[in-house]
Amino acid sequence: MLVSTLLGGCSIWRGDDPEPTIDVKQAVKQVDSILDGTFKAIHPRLKWRDEPAHMSERRNSFTNTANGEMSVGRERHVRTRISKAKLTELLTDVDKYWRREGFEVTLLDPREPSIMGERSDGCTVNFSVTGFGDVAISAGAGALADRVSGDIEGEDGDKFPKAPNGGPDYTPDVRDPYWSK
C-alpha cells in the first residue's frame, strides 16, 4: 500500500506549473500578445522578426508518457542593432513592463544581460543577449493538446530578410537612439 501511494504520488508530480486550460491556437495568441505588449512598451520602437511558434509535449516525469499538455512558445529577434551602453536601459524597460503585467522575475542578470519571469497563470518570458550582442525576447504558455513536439502549422514566423552584401539580418536606422555606431 505504501509503495502504491508513493508511486501514485510520483505519477502526478507536476511541479509548480498550473494546468493549462486553453488550446494551442489560444496559447499562440496569448504568447503573441505578451510579445506585442513587450515591444510596444519599449521606446524607441525596435525592429524585430518572429521565429516560428513551437510546441513541446509535456511528459509525466515518472512514467515518461505524454500527459495531453503542451508548452507553446515563440521567440522574437531584435533586428535593430543595440549599443552595449543601451542594453541595460532596454533590460530595465522590459523588466518594468513585465512586472506591471504580473510577471514575477525569477532571474535578473544585468551582466549578461538576461531576465526571466513567470506569471501565476504559467506564462513565461525571457530576455537574453548572445555573445555577439543579438537580443532575443521570448514568451511561452501551456496548452491542452495531444500532439507531437514541433513547429505549429500556420505559425511559421517571418521570412529571413535579405540583407545587402550578405550582412546581418537587421535594418539599421541611424535616428534610433539604440543604434550603435
C-alpha atoms as a PDB file:
ATOM      1  CA  MET A   1       0.000   0.000   0.000  1.00  0.00           C
ATOM      2  CA  LEU A   2       2.842   2.378   0.854  1.00  0.00           C
ATOM      3  CA  VAL A   3       4.537   1.587  -2.463  1.00  0.00           C
ATOM      4  CA  SER A   4       1.358   2.292  -4.457  1.00  0.00           C
ATOM      5  CA  THR A   5       0.840   5.560  -2.573  1.00  0.00           C
ATOM      6  CA  LEU A   6       4.399   6.683  -3.276  1.00  0.00           C
ATOM      7  CA  LEU A   7       4.236   5.623  -6.912  1.00  0.00           C
ATOM      8  CA  GLY A   8       0.839   7.245  -7.300  1.00  0.00           C
ATOM      9  CA  GLY A   9       2.227  10.476  -5.913  1.00  0.00           C
ATOM     10  CA  CYS A  10       5.177  10.371  -8.303  1.00  0.00           C
ATOM     11  CA  SER A  11       2.985   9.839 -11.325  1.00  0.00           C
ATOM     12  CA  ILE A  12       1.135  13.087 -10.768  1.00  0.00           C
ATOM     13  CA  TRP A  13       4.008  15.316  -9.727  1.00  0.00           C
ATOM     14  CA  ARG A  14       3.662  18.367 -11.880  1.00  0.00           C
ATOM     15  CA  GLY A  15       5.919  20.934 -10.347  1.00  0.00           C
ATOM     16  CA  ASP A  16       4.559  24.418  -9.776  1.00  0.00           C
ATOM     17  CA  ASP A  17       3.047  24.846 -13.245  1.00  0.00           C
ATOM     18  CA  PRO A  18      -0.730  25.333 -13.250  1.00  0.00           C
ATOM     19  CA  GLU A  19      -2.693  23.007 -15.515  1.00  0.00           C
ATOM     20  CA  PRO A  20      -3.338  24.616 -18.893  1.00  0.00           C
ATOM     21  CA  THR A  21      -6.957  25.294 -19.828  1.00  0.00           C
ATOM     22  CA  ILE A  22      -6.533  26.616 -23.378  1.00  0.00           C
ATOM     23  CA  ASP A  23      -5.794  25.007 -26.740  1.00  0.00           C
ATOM     24  CA  VAL A  24      -2.668  25.505 -28.853  1.00  0.00           C
ATOM     25  CA  LYS A  25      -4.215  28.239 -31.032  1.00  0.00           C
ATOM     26  CA  GLN A  26      -5.253  30.233 -27.954  1.00  0.00           C
ATOM     27  CA  ALA A  27      -1.800  29.741 -26.430  1.00  0.00           C
ATOM     28  CA  VAL A  28      -0.152  31.156 -29.581  1.00  0.00           C
ATOM     29  CA  LYS A  29      -2.439  34.206 -29.363  1.00  0.00           C
ATOM     30  CA  GLN A  30      -1.529  34.630 -25.687  1.00  0.00           C
ATOM     31  CA  VAL A  31       2.204  34.344 -26.409  1.00  0.00           C
ATOM     32  CA  ASP A  32       1.979  36.811 -29.318  1.00  0.00           C
ATOM     33  CA  SER A  33       0.007  39.225 -27.129  1.00  0.00           C
ATOM     34  CA  ILE A  34       2.735  39.136 -24.461  1.00  0.00           C
ATOM     35  CA  LEU A  35       5.430  39.758 -27.079  1.00  0.00           C
ATOM     36  CA  ASP A  36       3.417  42.544 -28.761  1.00  0.00           C
ATOM     37  CA  GLY A  37       2.897  44.274 -25.410  1.00  0.00           C
ATOM     38  CA  THR A  38       6.576  43.955 -24.546  1.00  0.00           C
ATOM     39  CA  PHE A  39       7.699  45.526 -27.810  1.00  0.00           C
ATOM     40  CA  LYS A  40       5.099  48.323 -27.521  1.00  0.00           C
ATOM     41  CA  ALA A  41       6.472  49.160 -24.055  1.00  0.00           C
ATOM     42  CA  ILE A  42       9.974  49.733 -25.446  1.00  0.00           C
ATOM     43  CA  HIS A  43      10.770  53.267 -26.585  1.00  0.00           C
ATOM     44  CA  PRO A  44      12.091  53.995 -29.064  1.00  0.00           C
ATOM     45  CA  ARG A  45      10.495  51.193 -31.058  1.00  0.00           C
ATOM     46  CA  LEU A  46      12.668  48.298 -32.177  1.00  0.00           C
ATOM     47  CA  LYS A  47      12.554  46.334 -35.396  1.00  0.00           C
ATOM     48  CA  TRP A  48      12.151  42.583 -34.920  1.00  0.00           C
ATOM     49  CA  ARG A  49      11.277  39.280 -36.567  1.00  0.00           C
ATOM     50  CA  ASP A  50       9.381  36.265 -35.281  1.00  0.00           C
ATOM     51  CA  GLU A  51      10.618  32.715 -35.114  1.00  0.00           C
ATOM     52  CA  PRO A  52       8.007  30.033 -35.838  1.00  0.00           C
ATOM     53  CA  ALA A  53       5.712  29.232 -32.921  1.00  0.00           C
ATOM     54  CA  HIS A  54       6.845  25.939 -31.422  1.00  0.00           C
ATOM     55  CA  MET A  55       5.255  23.388 -29.137  1.00  0.00           C
ATOM     56  CA  SER A  56       6.819  20.760 -26.922  1.00  0.00           C
ATOM     57  CA  GLU A  57       4.822  17.962 -25.418  1.00  0.00           C
ATOM     58  CA  ARG A  58       4.930  17.713 -21.664  1.00  0.00           C
ATOM     59  CA  ARG A  59       5.581  14.286 -20.264  1.00  0.00           C
ATOM     60  CA  ASN A  60       4.927  12.693 -16.922  1.00  0.00           C
ATOM     61  CA  SER A  61       8.207  12.864 -15.019  1.00  0.00           C
ATOM     62  CA  PHE A  62       7.804   9.392 -13.561  1.00  0.00           C
ATOM     63  CA  THR A  63       6.341   7.361 -16.437  1.00  0.00           C
ATOM     64  CA  ASN A  64       7.686   9.496 -19.304  1.00  0.00           C
ATOM     65  CA  THR A  65       4.320   9.332 -21.054  1.00  0.00           C
ATOM     66  CA  ALA A  66       2.604  12.254 -22.744  1.00  0.00           C
ATOM     67  CA  ASN A  67       0.070  13.894 -20.442  1.00  0.00           C
ATOM     68  CA  GLY A  68      -2.017  15.798 -23.020  1.00  0.00           C
ATOM     69  CA  GLU A  69      -0.326  19.117 -22.337  1.00  0.00           C
ATOM     70  CA  MET A  70       1.992  21.210 -24.492  1.00  0.00           C
ATOM     71  CA  SER A  71       4.370  24.075 -23.867  1.00  0.00           C
ATOM     72  CA  VAL A  72       3.825  26.667 -26.615  1.00  0.00           C
ATOM     73  CA  GLY A  73       6.372  29.390 -27.267  1.00  0.00           C
ATOM     74  CA  ARG A  74       7.748  31.904 -29.706  1.00  0.00           C
ATOM     75  CA  GLU A  75      10.977  33.885 -29.844  1.00  0.00           C
ATOM     76  CA  ARG A  76      11.415  37.346 -31.345  1.00  0.00           C
ATOM     77  CA  HIS A  77      14.802  38.521 -32.511  1.00  0.00           C
ATOM     78  CA  VAL A  78      15.555  42.221 -32.325  1.00  0.00           C
ATOM     79  CA  ARG A  79      16.726  43.458 -35.727  1.00  0.00           C
ATOM     80  CA  THR A  80      17.774  46.900 -34.515  1.00  0.00           C
ATOM     81  CA  ARG A  81      21.418  46.884 -33.510  1.00  0.00           C
ATOM     82  CA  ILE A  82      21.673  47.957 -29.874  1.00  0.00           C
ATOM     83  CA  SER A  83      24.743  49.550 -28.360  1.00  0.00           C
ATOM     84  CA  LYS A  84      26.223  47.969 -25.240  1.00  0.00           C
ATOM     85  CA  ALA A  85      25.578  51.219 -23.401  1.00  0.00           C
ATOM     86  CA  LYS A  86      21.839  50.956 -24.154  1.00  0.00           C
ATOM     87  CA  LEU A  87      21.383  47.261 -23.265  1.00  0.00           C
ATOM     88  CA  THR A  88      20.916  47.963 -19.544  1.00  0.00           C
ATOM     89  CA  GLU A  89      18.321  50.645 -20.343  1.00  0.00           C
ATOM     90  CA  LEU A  90      16.495  48.215 -22.623  1.00  0.00           C
ATOM     91  CA  LEU A  91      16.622  45.480 -19.971  1.00  0.00           C
ATOM     92  CA  THR A  92      15.204  47.915 -17.397  1.00  0.00           C
ATOM     93  CA  ASP A  93      12.312  48.888 -19.708  1.00  0.00           C
ATOM     94  CA  VAL A  94      11.429  45.230 -20.305  1.00  0.00           C
ATOM     95  CA  ASP A  95      11.718  44.381 -16.589  1.00  0.00           C
ATOM     96  CA  LYS A  96       9.382  47.228 -15.583  1.00  0.00           C
ATOM     97  CA  TYR A  97       6.797  46.258 -18.189  1.00  0.00           C
ATOM     98  CA  TRP A  98       6.808  42.571 -17.257  1.00  0.00           C
ATOM     99  CA  ARG A  99       6.418  43.367 -13.554  1.00  0.00           C
ATOM    100  CA  ARG A 100       3.438  45.650 -14.360  1.00  0.00           C
ATOM    101  CA  GLU A 101       1.917  42.760 -16.316  1.00  0.00           C
ATOM    102  CA  GLY A 102       2.106  40.458 -13.288  1.00  0.00           C
ATOM    103  CA  PHE A 103       5.277  38.537 -14.063  1.00  0.00           C
ATOM    104  CA  GLU A 104       7.443  37.587 -11.114  1.00  0.00           C
ATOM    105  CA  VAL A 105      11.066  37.940 -12.118  1.00  0.00           C
ATOM    106  CA  THR A 106      12.870  34.666 -11.415  1.00  0.00           C
ATOM    107  CA  LEU A 107      16.257  35.668 -12.853  1.00  0.00           C
ATOM    108  CA  LEU A 108      17.777  39.084 -13.427  1.00  0.00           C
ATOM    109  CA  ASP A 109      21.387  39.344 -14.517  1.00  0.00           C
ATOM    110  CA  PRO A 110      22.445  42.752 -15.855  1.00  0.00           C
ATOM    111  CA  ARG A 111      25.965  41.447 -16.596  1.00  0.00           C
ATOM    112  CA  GLU A 112      24.800  39.024 -19.303  1.00  0.00           C
ATOM    113  CA  PRO A 113      22.205  40.801 -19.619  1.00  0.00           C
ATOM    114  CA  SER A 114      19.230  38.482 -19.185  1.00  0.00           C
ATOM    115  CA  ILE A 115      15.915  38.329 -17.387  1.00  0.00           C
ATOM    116  CA  MET A 116      13.335  35.580 -16.928  1.00  0.00           C
ATOM    117  CA  GLY A 117       9.883  35.766 -15.417  1.00  0.00           C
ATOM    118  CA  GLU A 118       6.762  33.756 -14.749  1.00  0.00           C
ATOM    119  CA  ARG A 119       3.140  34.715 -14.167  1.00  0.00           C
ATOM    120  CA  SER A 120       0.665  32.901 -11.937  1.00  0.00           C
ATOM    121  CA  ASP A 121      -1.167  31.508 -14.998  1.00  0.00           C
ATOM    122  CA  GLY A 122       2.022  29.682 -16.027  1.00  0.00           C
ATOM    123  CA  CYS A 123       3.086  32.076 -18.817  1.00  0.00           C
ATOM    124  CA  THR A 124       6.821  32.621 -19.016  1.00  0.00           C
ATOM    125  CA  VAL A 125       9.023  35.335 -20.523  1.00  0.00           C
ATOM    126  CA  ASN A 126      12.730  35.529 -21.299  1.00  0.00           C
ATOM    127  CA  PHE A 127      15.093  38.300 -22.455  1.00  0.00           C
ATOM    128  CA  SER A 128      18.599  37.278 -23.454  1.00  0.00           C
ATOM    129  CA  VAL A 129      21.641  38.620 -25.245  1.00  0.00           C
ATOM    130  CA  THR A 130      24.082  36.364 -27.082  1.00  0.00           C
ATOM    131  CA  GLY A 131      27.838  36.773 -27.026  1.00  0.00           C
ATOM    132  CA  PHE A 132      27.513  38.513 -30.396  1.00  0.00           C
ATOM    133  CA  GLY A 133      25.142  41.125 -28.921  1.00  0.00           C
ATOM    134  CA  ASP A 134      21.981  39.732 -30.536  1.00  0.00           C
ATOM    135  CA  VAL A 135      18.857  40.303 -28.419  1.00  0.00           C
ATOM    136  CA  ALA A 136      16.024  37.765 -28.249  1.00  0.00           C
ATOM    137  CA  ILE A 137      12.775  38.039 -26.307  1.00  0.00           C
ATOM    138  CA  SER A 138      10.552  35.001 -25.940  1.00  0.00           C
ATOM    139  CA  ALA A 139       7.286  34.030 -24.276  1.00  0.00           C
ATOM    140  CA  GLY A 140       5.621  30.718 -23.505  1.00  0.00           C
ATOM    141  CA  ALA A 141       2.283  29.350 -22.322  1.00  0.00           C
ATOM    142  CA  GLY A 142       0.773  25.952 -21.579  1.00  0.00           C
ATOM    143  CA  ALA A 143      -1.912  24.361 -23.749  1.00  0.00           C
ATOM    144  CA  LEU A 144      -4.042  21.231 -23.900  1.00  0.00           C
ATOM    145  CA  ALA A 145      -3.323  19.023 -26.908  1.00  0.00           C
ATOM    146  CA  ASP A 146      -2.292  15.512 -27.796  1.00  0.00           C
ATOM    147  CA  ARG A 147       0.274  16.237 -30.490  1.00  0.00           C
ATOM    148  CA  VAL A 148       3.944  15.714 -31.084  1.00  0.00           C
ATOM    149  CA  SER A 149       6.522  18.415 -30.497  1.00  0.00           C
ATOM    150  CA  GLY A 150       7.494  20.717 -33.344  1.00  0.00           C
ATOM    151  CA  ASP A 151       6.652  23.922 -35.152  1.00  0.00           C
ATOM    152  CA  ILE A 152       2.968  24.842 -35.182  1.00  0.00           C
ATOM    153  CA  GLU A 153       1.369  24.655 -38.613  1.00  0.00           C
ATOM    154  CA  GLY A 154       0.352  28.080 -39.912  1.00  0.00           C
ATOM    155  CA  GLU A 155       2.573  29.894 -37.376  1.00  0.00           C
ATOM    156  CA  ASP A 156       5.736  29.994 -39.451  1.00  0.00           C
ATOM    157  CA  GLY A 157       7.098  33.325 -38.269  1.00  0.00           C
ATOM    158  CA  ASP A 158       8.778  35.817 -40.548  1.00  0.00           C
ATOM    159  CA  LYS A 159      10.909  35.026 -43.551  1.00  0.00           C
ATOM    160  CA  PHE A 160      14.550  35.902 -43.058  1.00  0.00           C
ATOM    161  CA  PRO A 161      15.041  39.245 -44.799  1.00  0.00           C
ATOM    162  CA  LYS A 162      17.649  39.576 -47.485  1.00  0.00           C
ATOM    163  CA  ALA A 163      20.471  41.788 -46.258  1.00  0.00           C
ATOM    164  CA  PRO A 164      22.558  43.677 -48.825  1.00  0.00           C
ATOM    165  CA  ASN A 165      26.095  42.389 -49.326  1.00  0.00           C
ATOM    166  CA  GLY A 166      25.468  39.334 -47.155  1.00  0.00           C
ATOM    167  CA  GLY A 167      25.331  41.404 -43.938  1.00  0.00           C
ATOM    168  CA  PRO A 168      23.294  40.642 -40.799  1.00  0.00           C
ATOM    169  CA  ASP A 169      19.509  40.445 -40.988  1.00  0.00           C
ATOM    170  CA  TYR A 170      18.738  43.797 -39.379  1.00  0.00           C
ATOM    171  CA  THR A 171      17.853  47.130 -40.902  1.00  0.00           C
ATOM    172  CA  PRO A 172      19.757  49.882 -39.103  1.00  0.00           C
ATOM    173  CA  ASP A 173      18.120  53.239 -38.561  1.00  0.00           C
ATOM    174  CA  VAL A 174      20.696  55.829 -37.547  1.00  0.00           C
ATOM    175  CA  ARG A 175      17.977  58.012 -35.991  1.00  0.00           C
ATOM    176  CA  ASP A 176      17.251  55.245 -33.472  1.00  0.00           C
ATOM    177  CA  PRO A 177      18.959  56.017 -30.108  1.00  0.00           C
ATOM    178  CA  TYR A 178      19.553  52.291 -29.596  1.00  0.00           C
ATOM    179  CA  TRP A 179      21.567  52.179 -32.798  1.00  0.00           C
ATOM    180  CA  SER A 180      25.205  51.516 -32.104  1.00  0.00           C
ATOM    181  CA  LYS A 181      27.739  53.414 -34.126  1.00  0.00           C
END
